[in-house]
Amino acid sequence: ERADTRHDERESIDDVVDRIGAQWGDQPSRVDKRKAAARAVLEYAREHGDVSKQEALDELEPEYSVEGQNPQTWYRQNVRPVLRVACEYDSGTRSYHFALGDQNDDVEEGDYADV
């Protein structure tokens, strides 16, 4: 069954990771490692504005690898599901743009009304 791909603007990275991770049928220790990988890629996307598959594989997979998963499986099973929920895909740049509400927690609606 495919994960719900909609996100609530108030959802945090942890909310998305927990919601998607709850659907993973795996041993608890592996789920924890998979969630750590998913969380790391979303934090990377929030910090940099976006993330590509290659960036995730190059920058994050070595530190957040999961035993028994090659890099492509790691991306497909742990990273892509959360990117599809928390980000918007840009086919032009082949990257995911971070789209959760906690990207700009310091900005209140109306802050730019006078601009």
Protein backbone atom coordinates (compact mmCIF):
# COMPACT_ATOMS: atom_id res chain seq x y z
CA GLU A 1 0.00 0.00 0.00
CA ARG A 2 1.34 3.40 -0.96
CA ALA A 3 1.88 6.04 1.68
CA ASP A 4 -0.34 9.09 1.84
CA THR A 5 1.52 11.65 -0.27
CA ARG A 6 -0.19 14.72 1.15
CA HIS A 7 1.35 16.73 3.94
CA ASP A 8 -0.12 19.19 6.35
CA GLU A 9 1.76 22.49 6.41
CA ARG A 10 2.07 22.14 10.19
CA GLU A 11 3.72 18.73 9.94
CA SER A 12 7.33 18.56 11.03
CA ILE A 13 10.12 16.39 9.69
CA ASP A 14 9.63 14.03 12.65
CA ASP A 15 5.89 13.82 11.95
CA VAL A 16 6.48 12.81 8.33
CA VAL A 17 9.24 10.33 9.19
CA ASP A 18 7.14 8.74 11.94
CA ARG A 19 4.07 8.50 9.70
CA ILE A 20 5.95 6.91 6.80
CA GLY A 21 8.12 4.77 9.06
CA ALA A 22 5.05 3.31 10.77
CA GLN A 23 4.24 1.62 7.46
CA TRP A 24 7.60 -0.13 7.19
CA GLY A 25 7.35 -3.78 8.14
CA ASP A 26 10.85 -4.38 9.45
CA GLN A 27 12.73 -5.21 12.64
CA PRO A 28 12.62 -2.32 15.15
CA SER A 29 16.38 -1.75 15.03
CA ARG A 30 16.29 -1.50 11.23
CA VAL A 31 13.25 0.79 11.31
CA ASP A 32 15.21 3.11 13.62
CA LYS A 33 18.12 3.21 11.15
CA ARG A 34 15.79 3.72 8.22
CA LYS A 35 14.06 6.57 10.05
CA ALA A 36 17.44 8.13 10.84
CA ALA A 37 18.28 8.08 7.12
CA ALA A 38 14.91 9.57 6.19
CA ARG A 39 15.22 12.27 8.85
CA ALA A 40 18.77 13.13 7.72
CA VAL A 41 17.75 13.62 4.10
CA LEU A 42 14.83 15.87 5.06
CA GLU A 43 17.05 17.93 7.34
CA TYR A 44 19.56 18.22 4.50
CA ALA A 45 16.79 19.36 2.13
CA ARG A 46 15.55 21.91 4.68
CA GLU A 47 19.05 23.27 5.23
CA HIS A 48 19.95 23.46 1.53
CA GLY A 49 16.47 24.15 0.11
CA ASP A 50 16.51 21.00 -1.99
CA VAL A 51 18.19 17.63 -2.47
CA SER A 52 18.80 15.41 -5.48
CA LYS A 53 19.02 11.65 -5.49
CA GLN A 54 22.75 11.89 -6.18
CA GLU A 55 23.30 14.30 -3.28
CA ALA A 56 21.45 11.95 -0.93
CA LEU A 57 23.54 9.01 -2.09
CA ASP A 58 26.85 10.90 -1.99
CA GLU A 59 26.35 13.02 1.12
CA LEU A 60 24.14 10.94 3.39
CA GLU A 61 24.08 7.26 2.48
CA PRO A 62 27.62 6.51 3.73
CA GLU A 63 26.80 7.83 7.22
CA TYR A 64 23.18 6.60 7.33
CA SER A 65 23.47 3.28 5.52
CA VAL A 66 21.22 0.40 6.54
CA GLU A 67 22.62 -3.11 6.80
CA GLY A 68 21.43 -5.31 3.95
CA GLN A 69 20.56 -2.39 1.65
CA ASN A 70 22.68 -1.34 -1.29
CA PRO A 71 22.66 2.42 -2.07
CA GLN A 72 19.85 2.19 -4.64
CA THR A 73 17.62 0.17 -2.28
CA TRP A 74 18.49 2.55 0.56
CA TYR A 75 17.28 5.49 -1.53
CA ARG A 76 14.19 3.75 -2.91
CA GLN A 77 12.96 2.33 0.41
CA ASN A 78 14.01 4.96 2.97
CA VAL A 79 14.52 8.29 1.26
CA ARG A 80 12.17 8.57 -1.70
CA PRO A 81 9.00 7.83 0.34
CA VAL A 82 9.59 10.80 2.69
CA LEU A 83 10.78 13.10 -0.10
CA ARG A 84 7.51 12.47 -1.93
CA VAL A 85 5.56 13.63 1.12
CA ALA A 86 7.69 16.50 2.44
CA CYS A 87 9.05 17.94 -0.82
CA GLU A 88 8.01 19.01 -4.29
CA TYR A 89 9.83 17.38 -7.20
CA ASP A 90 11.38 19.64 -9.82
CA SER A 91 11.88 17.67 -13.02
CA GLY A 92 14.03 20.46 -14.48
CA THR A 93 16.68 20.16 -11.78
CA ARG A 94 15.83 16.53 -10.93
CA SER A 95 15.70 17.46 -7.26
CA TYR A 96 13.21 17.66 -4.42
CA HIS A 97 12.47 21.12 -3.00
CA PHE A 98 11.70 21.13 0.73
CA ALA A 99 8.03 22.05 1.23
CA LEU A 100 7.12 21.45 4.88
CA GLY A 101 5.82 24.30 6.99
CA ASP A 102 8.76 24.17 9.40
CA GLN A 103 11.15 25.45 6.73
CA ASN A 104 10.49 29.04 7.76
CA ASP A 105 9.25 28.78 11.33
CA ASP A 106 10.42 32.34 12.06
CA VAL A 107 8.30 33.87 9.29
CA GLU A 108 4.75 34.75 10.24
CA GLU A 109 1.99 35.17 7.68
CA GLY A 110 1.86 38.82 6.73
CA ASP A 111 5.53 39.53 7.49
CA TYR A 112 5.97 40.71 3.91
CA ALA A 113 2.71 42.64 3.63
CA ASP A 114 4.50 45.99 3.40
CA VAL A 115 7.01 44.90 0.81
